[in-house]
Amino acid sequence: MTKNWLITGASSGFGRALTEASLAAGDTVVAAMRRPERLDDLVAQYPD
């Protein structure tokens, strides 16, 4: 069963770690941050 996450502060720290772990588990993540370019590597790794 996949989960849906809304994570704020996803570009660094605990928010980044939670975002990475959720994506690795196959969950759906909606990530909010001030600098979206900081997640370009995760967007490339998890394009869906």
Protein backbone atom coordinates (compact mmCIF):
# COMPACT_ATOMS: atom_id res chain seq x y z
CA MET A 1 0.00 0.00 0.00
CA THR A 2 1.54 3.30 -1.05
CA LYS A 3 1.20 6.44 1.01
CA ASN A 4 0.82 10.05 -0.05
CA TRP A 5 3.04 12.64 1.62
CA LEU A 6 3.00 16.44 1.73
CA ILE A 7 6.43 17.49 2.95
CA THR A 8 7.38 21.11 3.59
CA GLY A 9 11.01 22.16 3.80
CA ALA A 10 11.93 19.29 1.50
CA SER A 11 15.13 20.81 0.11
CA SER A 12 17.31 20.21 3.19
CA GLY A 13 17.62 18.61 6.60
CA PHE A 14 14.88 16.38 7.98
CA GLY A 15 12.49 17.31 5.15
CA ARG A 16 15.02 16.18 2.55
CA ALA A 17 15.68 12.93 4.40
CA LEU A 18 11.98 12.20 4.72
CA THR A 19 11.45 12.98 1.03
CA GLU A 20 14.25 10.60 -0.01
CA ALA A 21 13.01 7.81 2.27
CA SER A 22 9.41 8.17 1.12
CA LEU A 23 10.36 8.07 -2.55
CA ALA A 24 12.63 5.08 -1.99
CA ALA A 25 9.70 3.27 -0.35
CA GLY A 26 7.60 3.85 -3.49
CA ASP A 27 5.32 6.44 -1.91
CA THR A 28 3.97 9.55 -3.62
CA VAL A 29 5.48 12.84 -2.44
CA VAL A 30 4.34 16.42 -2.90
CA ALA A 31 7.34 18.46 -1.78
CA ALA A 32 7.26 22.17 -0.92
CA MET A 33 10.37 24.31 -0.67
CA ARG A 34 11.80 27.74 -1.42
CA ARG A 35 14.51 26.49 -3.79
CA PRO A 36 13.01 23.80 -6.04
CA GLU A 37 16.26 23.38 -8.00
CA ARG A 38 17.73 21.65 -4.93
CA LEU A 39 15.56 18.61 -5.72
CA ASP A 40 16.60 18.29 -9.37
CA ASP A 41 18.54 15.12 -8.56
CA LEU A 42 15.47 13.46 -7.02
CA VAL A 43 13.25 14.57 -9.89
CA ALA A 44 15.68 12.92 -12.30
CA GLN A 45 15.85 9.76 -10.18
CA TYR A 46 12.05 9.52 -9.61
CA PRO A 47 10.46 11.15 -12.70
CA ASP A 48 6.93 9.95 -11.93
